[in-house]
Protein backbone atom coordinates (compact mmCIF):
# COMPACT_ATOMS: atom_id res chain seq x y z
CA UNK A 1 0.00 0.00 0.00
CA UNK A 2 2.72 2.51 0.93
CA UNK A 3 4.68 1.71 -2.23
CA UNK A 4 1.64 2.31 -4.43
CA UNK A 5 0.89 5.58 -2.67
CA UNK A 6 4.47 6.77 -3.14
CA UNK A 7 4.36 5.78 -6.83
CA UNK A 8 1.19 7.86 -7.24
CA UNK A 9 2.78 10.87 -5.55
CA UNK A 10 5.94 10.64 -7.67
CA UNK A 11 3.91 10.27 -10.88
CA UNK A 12 1.82 13.32 -9.98
CA UNK A 13 4.97 15.30 -9.20
CA UNK A 14 6.44 14.36 -12.59
CA UNK A 15 3.24 15.40 -14.37
CA UNK A 16 3.45 18.77 -12.62
CA UNK A 17 7.05 19.22 -13.73
CA UNK A 18 8.58 18.83 -10.28
CA UNK A 19 12.12 17.50 -10.09
CA UNK A 20 12.53 16.96 -6.35
CA UNK A 21 10.37 15.99 -3.40
CA UNK A 22 11.17 16.47 0.27
CA UNK A 23 9.57 15.00 3.37
CA UNK A 24 10.17 14.88 7.09
CA UNK A 25 10.11 11.76 9.24
CA UNK A 26 10.55 11.35 13.00
CA UNK A 27 14.19 10.42 13.65
CA UNK A 28 13.14 7.42 15.77
CA UNK A 29 10.81 6.01 13.09
CA UNK A 30 13.25 3.33 11.92
CA UNK A 31 10.67 1.53 9.78
CA UNK A 32 9.66 4.71 7.94
CA UNK A 33 13.25 5.80 7.42
CA UNK A 34 14.16 2.37 6.04
CA UNK A 35 11.20 2.49 3.61
CA UNK A 36 12.14 5.94 2.33
CA UNK A 37 15.80 4.97 1.95
CA UNK A 38 14.82 1.86 -0.05
CA UNK A 39 12.67 4.13 -2.20
CA UNK A 40 15.68 6.31 -3.00
CA UNK A 41 15.25 9.16 -0.52
CA UNK A 42 18.40 10.51 1.11
CA UNK A 43 18.75 12.39 4.38
CA UNK A 44 19.48 16.03 3.62
CA UNK A 45 19.11 17.59 7.07
CA UNK A 46 16.94 17.77 10.15
CA UNK A 47 14.27 20.01 11.62
CA UNK A 48 12.41 20.49 14.90
CA UNK A 49 8.81 19.31 15.12
CA UNK A 50 6.62 20.07 18.12
CA UNK A 51 4.00 17.62 19.37
CA UNK A 52 2.16 19.32 22.21
CA UNK A 53 4.93 20.51 24.51
CA UNK A 54 7.43 17.91 23.22
CA UNK A 55 9.98 19.17 20.69
CA UNK A 56 11.17 16.28 18.51
CA UNK A 57 13.74 16.03 15.76
CA UNK A 58 12.64 14.99 12.29
CA UNK A 59 14.94 14.01 9.46
CA UNK A 60 14.51 15.88 6.19
CA UNK A 61 14.71 13.48 3.25
CA UNK A 62 14.63 14.18 -0.48
CA UNK A 63 14.40 12.29 -3.77
CA UNK A 64 15.05 13.24 -7.38
CA UNK A 65 11.61 12.70 -8.97
CA UNK A 66 13.04 12.04 -12.42
CA UNK A 67 15.03 9.01 -11.24
CA UNK A 68 12.11 7.35 -9.47
CA UNK A 69 12.52 4.74 -6.76
CA UNK A 70 13.14 1.06 -6.09
CA UNK A 71 11.01 0.23 -3.01
C-alpha atoms as a PDB file:
ATOM      1  CA  UNK A   1       0.000   0.000   0.000  1.00  0.00           C
ATOM      2  CA  UNK A   2       2.720   2.505   0.928  1.00  0.00           C
ATOM      3  CA  UNK A   3       4.678   1.708  -2.230  1.00  0.00           C
ATOM      4  CA  UNK A   4       1.645   2.308  -4.426  1.00  0.00           C
ATOM      5  CA  UNK A   5       0.893   5.581  -2.672  1.00  0.00           C
ATOM      6  CA  UNK A   6       4.468   6.773  -3.135  1.00  0.00           C
ATOM      7  CA  UNK A   7       4.364   5.782  -6.825  1.00  0.00           C
ATOM      8  CA  UNK A   8       1.195   7.858  -7.242  1.00  0.00           C
ATOM      9  CA  UNK A   9       2.776  10.873  -5.550  1.00  0.00           C
ATOM     10  CA  UNK A  10       5.936  10.643  -7.666  1.00  0.00           C
ATOM     11  CA  UNK A  11       3.908  10.270 -10.883  1.00  0.00           C
ATOM     12  CA  UNK A  12       1.816  13.316  -9.980  1.00  0.00           C
ATOM     13  CA  UNK A  13       4.969  15.305  -9.198  1.00  0.00           C
ATOM     14  CA  UNK A  14       6.440  14.364 -12.588  1.00  0.00           C
ATOM     15  CA  UNK A  15       3.241  15.404 -14.366  1.00  0.00           C
ATOM     16  CA  UNK A  16       3.445  18.766 -12.619  1.00  0.00           C
ATOM     17  CA  UNK A  17       7.049  19.220 -13.734  1.00  0.00           C
ATOM     18  CA  UNK A  18       8.579  18.830 -10.279  1.00  0.00           C
ATOM     19  CA  UNK A  19      12.123  17.495 -10.091  1.00  0.00           C
ATOM     20  CA  UNK A  20      12.533  16.961  -6.349  1.00  0.00           C
ATOM     21  CA  UNK A  21      10.367  15.988  -3.402  1.00  0.00           C
ATOM     22  CA  UNK A  22      11.167  16.475   0.273  1.00  0.00           C
ATOM     23  CA  UNK A  23       9.572  15.003   3.366  1.00  0.00           C
ATOM     24  CA  UNK A  24      10.172  14.882   7.090  1.00  0.00           C
ATOM     25  CA  UNK A  25      10.109  11.761   9.241  1.00  0.00           C
ATOM     26  CA  UNK A  26      10.554  11.353  13.002  1.00  0.00           C
ATOM     27  CA  UNK A  27      14.188  10.421  13.650  1.00  0.00           C
ATOM     28  CA  UNK A  28      13.136   7.422  15.773  1.00  0.00           C
ATOM     29  CA  UNK A  29      10.807   6.010  13.088  1.00  0.00           C
ATOM     30  CA  UNK A  30      13.254   3.333  11.923  1.00  0.00           C
ATOM     31  CA  UNK A  31      10.673   1.530   9.781  1.00  0.00           C
ATOM     32  CA  UNK A  32       9.658   4.712   7.944  1.00  0.00           C
ATOM     33  CA  UNK A  33      13.250   5.803   7.419  1.00  0.00           C
ATOM     34  CA  UNK A  34      14.158   2.370   6.036  1.00  0.00           C
ATOM     35  CA  UNK A  35      11.202   2.487   3.610  1.00  0.00           C
ATOM     36  CA  UNK A  36      12.139   5.937   2.330  1.00  0.00           C
ATOM     37  CA  UNK A  37      15.799   4.972   1.945  1.00  0.00           C
ATOM     38  CA  UNK A  38      14.824   1.858  -0.052  1.00  0.00           C
ATOM     39  CA  UNK A  39      12.673   4.132  -2.205  1.00  0.00           C
ATOM     40  CA  UNK A  40      15.685   6.310  -2.996  1.00  0.00           C
ATOM     41  CA  UNK A  41      15.246   9.156  -0.521  1.00  0.00           C
ATOM     42  CA  UNK A  42      18.395  10.505   1.110  1.00  0.00           C
ATOM     43  CA  UNK A  43      18.747  12.388   4.380  1.00  0.00           C
ATOM     44  CA  UNK A  44      19.482  16.035   3.616  1.00  0.00           C
ATOM     45  CA  UNK A  45      19.108  17.586   7.067  1.00  0.00           C
ATOM     46  CA  UNK A  46      16.942  17.765  10.146  1.00  0.00           C
ATOM     47  CA  UNK A  47      14.270  20.013  11.623  1.00  0.00           C
ATOM     48  CA  UNK A  48      12.415  20.491  14.904  1.00  0.00           C
ATOM     49  CA  UNK A  49       8.809  19.305  15.122  1.00  0.00           C
ATOM     50  CA  UNK A  50       6.618  20.071  18.117  1.00  0.00           C
ATOM     51  CA  UNK A  51       4.004  17.615  19.372  1.00  0.00           C
ATOM     52  CA  UNK A  52       2.159  19.323  22.211  1.00  0.00           C
ATOM     53  CA  UNK A  53       4.927  20.505  24.506  1.00  0.00           C
ATOM     54  CA  UNK A  54       7.432  17.915  23.220  1.00  0.00           C
ATOM     55  CA  UNK A  55       9.985  19.166  20.687  1.00  0.00           C
ATOM     56  CA  UNK A  56      11.173  16.279  18.514  1.00  0.00           C
ATOM     57  CA  UNK A  57      13.742  16.033  15.760  1.00  0.00           C
ATOM     58  CA  UNK A  58      12.636  14.988  12.285  1.00  0.00           C
ATOM     59  CA  UNK A  59      14.942  14.014   9.460  1.00  0.00           C
ATOM     60  CA  UNK A  60      14.506  15.882   6.191  1.00  0.00           C
ATOM     61  CA  UNK A  61      14.715  13.483   3.254  1.00  0.00           C
ATOM     62  CA  UNK A  62      14.631  14.179  -0.480  1.00  0.00           C
ATOM     63  CA  UNK A  63      14.399  12.289  -3.770  1.00  0.00           C
ATOM     64  CA  UNK A  64      15.049  13.239  -7.381  1.00  0.00           C
ATOM     65  CA  UNK A  65      11.609  12.696  -8.967  1.00  0.00           C
ATOM     66  CA  UNK A  66      13.042  12.042 -12.420  1.00  0.00           C
ATOM     67  CA  UNK A  67      15.031   9.014 -11.236  1.00  0.00           C
ATOM     68  CA  UNK A  68      12.108   7.354  -9.468  1.00  0.00           C
ATOM     69  CA  UNK A  69      12.519   4.742  -6.763  1.00  0.00           C
ATOM     70  CA  UNK A  70      13.143   1.060  -6.089  1.00  0.00           C
ATOM     71  CA  UNK A  71      11.014   0.234  -3.012  1.00  0.00           C
END
